[in-house]
Every structure is written in structure tokens, then in C-alpha cells.
Amino acid sequence: MSVGLLLITHHELGKALLNTAVGTLGHNPFCSATLSVARELEPEVFNARATRLVNEIDSGDGVLVLTDMYGSTPGNIACCLRNDHRIAVVAGVNLPMLLRIFNYAQLDLDELTEKALSGGRDGVIHCPNRCPSES
């Protein structure tokens, strides 16, 4: 068994990030799903969809839910899932975060959550004023 992965984001952002991570590494080590949130439907509809997706991808080891922005509709939907101890939610999803957890997919939910946080933080840097090929 392994941790499931659910991305809840505005529009198609989660799907694009997941596809990019899979394309970069060549595989997806998780049972994963994305939920694209748009204005057309009420949050209650998305809450029900998110709960259904969690149940589909949870093999018994829990689900890591990544969302794009804390306090937004996708973030609020993600946080509503936390009523269950087998779900961890991290806001601020980015590509470095996904790539980090892809490389540590064998970890348990708590350890994987920490890897998501460190990958997200470590992936945000101020780039030098020179071209990397000028080194």
C-alpha cells in the first residue's frame, strides 16, 4: 500500500502540475487524482467530489492533499477533508514540491507531508543575476 495523492486547485493547475511531474520523471508512483475548481458550481458540489476522490485513491495509508492557495475555495475544500486523521493537507503546491514527493513516495503520510513542505520551500529561491552556463 502507499499514500494517495489528490491535487485540488483552481481550474486545471493541478492537472498541469501533475502531468509535468509525470513527464519529467517518467512515472507517477502514486494513486492520484486532481480536482479542478471553477466558479460555476457551489463549493458543496466540490466537497462531495473531493470526498469521493479521497475514498477512491486511499489504499489504507492515507491521502496527501495538495492545494494551490490557503484560504481560497480549493484550499477550503481541501481543509474540509482534514476531519479524517488519514488526510494531510499542504497549501502552496508547486512543481518542486511534487518532484520531491515523487522521489519519496515510499514514505508514510507524516514523512511525505514533511517532504512536500521542504520541497516547496526549497524550490523557491532568488535566482542569481548570471546565466547558469556562465559558471
Protein backbone atom coordinates (compact mmCIF):
# COMPACT_ATOMS: atom_id res chain seq x y z
CA MET A 1 0.00 0.00 0.00
CA SER A 2 1.00 3.63 -0.36
CA VAL A 3 -0.23 7.13 0.28
CA GLY A 4 -2.71 8.53 -2.23
CA LEU A 5 -2.23 11.97 -3.79
CA LEU A 6 -5.02 14.47 -4.51
CA LEU A 7 -4.46 17.92 -6.02
CA ILE A 8 -7.28 20.43 -5.50
CA THR A 9 -6.61 23.62 -7.43
CA HIS A 10 -8.09 26.47 -9.39
CA HIS A 11 -9.07 25.41 -12.88
CA GLU A 12 -6.57 22.99 -14.48
CA LEU A 13 -3.48 23.97 -12.47
CA GLY A 14 -3.29 20.68 -10.55
CA LYS A 15 -3.69 18.61 -13.68
CA ALA A 16 -0.95 20.59 -15.45
CA LEU A 17 1.43 20.26 -12.48
CA LEU A 18 0.81 16.53 -12.17
CA ASN A 19 1.27 15.96 -15.90
CA THR A 20 4.51 17.97 -15.84
CA ALA A 21 5.88 16.00 -12.87
CA VAL A 22 5.00 12.69 -14.53
CA GLY A 23 6.52 13.87 -17.81
CA THR A 24 9.70 14.98 -16.06
CA LEU A 25 10.26 11.78 -14.09
CA GLY A 26 8.60 9.36 -16.48
CA HIS A 27 6.21 7.80 -13.98
CA ASN A 28 3.68 8.51 -11.25
CA PRO A 29 4.37 6.49 -8.08
CA PHE A 30 1.03 7.44 -6.52
CA CYS A 31 -2.56 6.53 -6.96
CA SER A 32 -3.54 10.11 -7.71
CA ALA A 33 -6.37 12.37 -8.79
CA THR A 34 -6.98 16.04 -9.46
CA LEU A 35 -9.98 18.21 -8.72
CA SER A 36 -10.25 21.38 -10.77
CA VAL A 37 -12.36 24.02 -9.05
CA ALA A 38 -14.20 26.64 -11.09
CA ARG A 39 -16.81 29.23 -10.19
CA GLU A 40 -19.68 27.52 -12.00
CA LEU A 41 -20.51 25.08 -9.18
CA GLU A 42 -21.18 25.54 -5.49
CA PRO A 43 -18.43 24.52 -3.04
CA GLU A 44 -20.70 21.77 -1.65
CA VAL A 45 -20.56 20.02 -5.03
CA PHE A 46 -16.77 20.11 -4.95
CA ASN A 47 -16.72 18.95 -1.31
CA ALA A 48 -18.67 15.84 -2.33
CA ARG A 49 -16.37 15.24 -5.31
CA ALA A 50 -13.27 15.65 -3.13
CA THR A 51 -14.59 13.14 -0.58
CA ARG A 52 -15.36 10.65 -3.35
CA LEU A 53 -11.86 11.05 -4.84
CA VAL A 54 -10.21 10.54 -1.44
CA ASN A 55 -12.15 7.32 -0.98
CA GLU A 56 -11.12 6.15 -4.46
CA ILE A 57 -7.38 6.76 -4.06
CA ASP A 58 -6.89 5.83 -0.38
CA SER A 59 -5.44 2.34 -0.23
CA GLY A 60 -5.34 2.45 3.56
CA ASP A 61 -2.21 4.55 4.13
CA GLY A 62 -3.94 7.91 3.85
CA VAL A 63 -4.04 10.71 1.33
CA LEU A 64 -1.82 13.74 0.90
CA VAL A 65 -3.91 16.62 -0.43
CA LEU A 66 -2.06 19.43 -2.15
CA THR A 67 -3.83 22.69 -2.92
CA ASP A 68 -2.71 25.89 -4.55
CA MET A 69 -3.62 28.60 -2.06
CA TYR A 70 -4.68 28.57 1.58
CA GLY A 71 -7.92 30.49 2.14
CA SER A 72 -9.12 30.09 -1.44
CA THR A 73 -12.07 27.93 -2.48
CA PRO A 74 -9.82 24.98 -3.45
CA GLY A 75 -7.89 25.41 -0.21
CA ASN A 76 -11.09 25.49 1.83
CA ILE A 77 -12.38 22.35 0.12
CA ALA A 78 -9.07 20.63 0.90
CA CYS A 79 -9.17 21.73 4.54
CA CYS A 80 -12.71 20.37 4.94
CA LEU A 81 -11.27 16.91 4.23
CA ARG A 82 -8.98 17.09 7.28
CA ASN A 83 -11.69 15.78 9.59
CA ASP A 84 -10.18 12.40 8.94
CA HIS A 85 -6.81 11.55 10.55
CA ARG A 86 -5.67 9.77 7.40
CA ILE A 87 -5.59 13.02 5.40
CA ALA A 88 -2.89 15.69 5.40
CA VAL A 89 -3.30 19.00 3.55
CA VAL A 90 -0.48 21.21 2.26
CA ALA A 91 -1.18 24.55 0.56
CA GLY A 92 1.10 26.25 -1.96
CA VAL A 93 1.65 23.35 -4.34
CA ASN A 94 4.43 23.86 -6.86
CA LEU A 95 6.47 21.69 -9.21
CA PRO A 96 9.49 21.29 -6.87
CA MET A 97 7.11 20.04 -4.17
CA LEU A 98 5.65 17.42 -6.50
CA LEU A 99 9.02 16.27 -7.74
CA ARG A 100 10.25 15.91 -4.15
CA ILE A 101 7.35 13.73 -3.07
CA PHE A 102 7.58 11.66 -6.24
CA ASN A 103 11.12 10.77 -5.18
CA TYR A 104 9.97 9.78 -1.67
CA ALA A 105 6.69 8.03 -2.48
CA GLN A 106 7.51 5.10 -0.19
CA LEU A 107 7.32 7.27 2.96
CA ASP A 108 4.32 7.28 5.29
CA LEU A 109 1.82 10.15 5.31
CA ASP A 110 3.54 12.22 8.02
CA GLU A 111 7.00 11.88 6.46
CA LEU A 112 5.65 12.56 2.97
CA THR A 113 3.93 15.70 4.25
CA GLU A 114 7.27 16.95 5.58
CA LYS A 115 8.92 16.21 2.21
CA ALA A 116 6.17 18.19 0.45
CA LEU A 117 6.79 21.17 2.74
CA SER A 118 10.56 21.07 2.35
CA GLY A 119 10.33 20.57 -1.41
CA GLY A 120 8.02 23.55 -1.75
CA ARG A 121 10.18 25.80 0.43
CA ASP A 122 13.50 24.70 -1.06
CA GLY A 123 12.18 25.15 -4.59
CA VAL A 124 11.50 28.87 -4.09
CA ILE A 125 14.77 30.76 -4.49
CA HIS A 126 16.07 34.11 -5.66
CA CYS A 127 17.93 33.33 -8.87
CA PRO A 128 21.42 34.79 -9.42
CA ASN A 129 21.91 37.63 -11.88
CA ARG A 130 24.03 35.49 -14.17
CA CYS A 131 23.18 32.77 -16.64
CA PRO A 132 23.83 29.27 -15.19
CA SER A 133 26.01 28.46 -18.23
CA GLU A 134 28.36 31.32 -17.25
CA SER A 135 29.64 29.42 -14.18
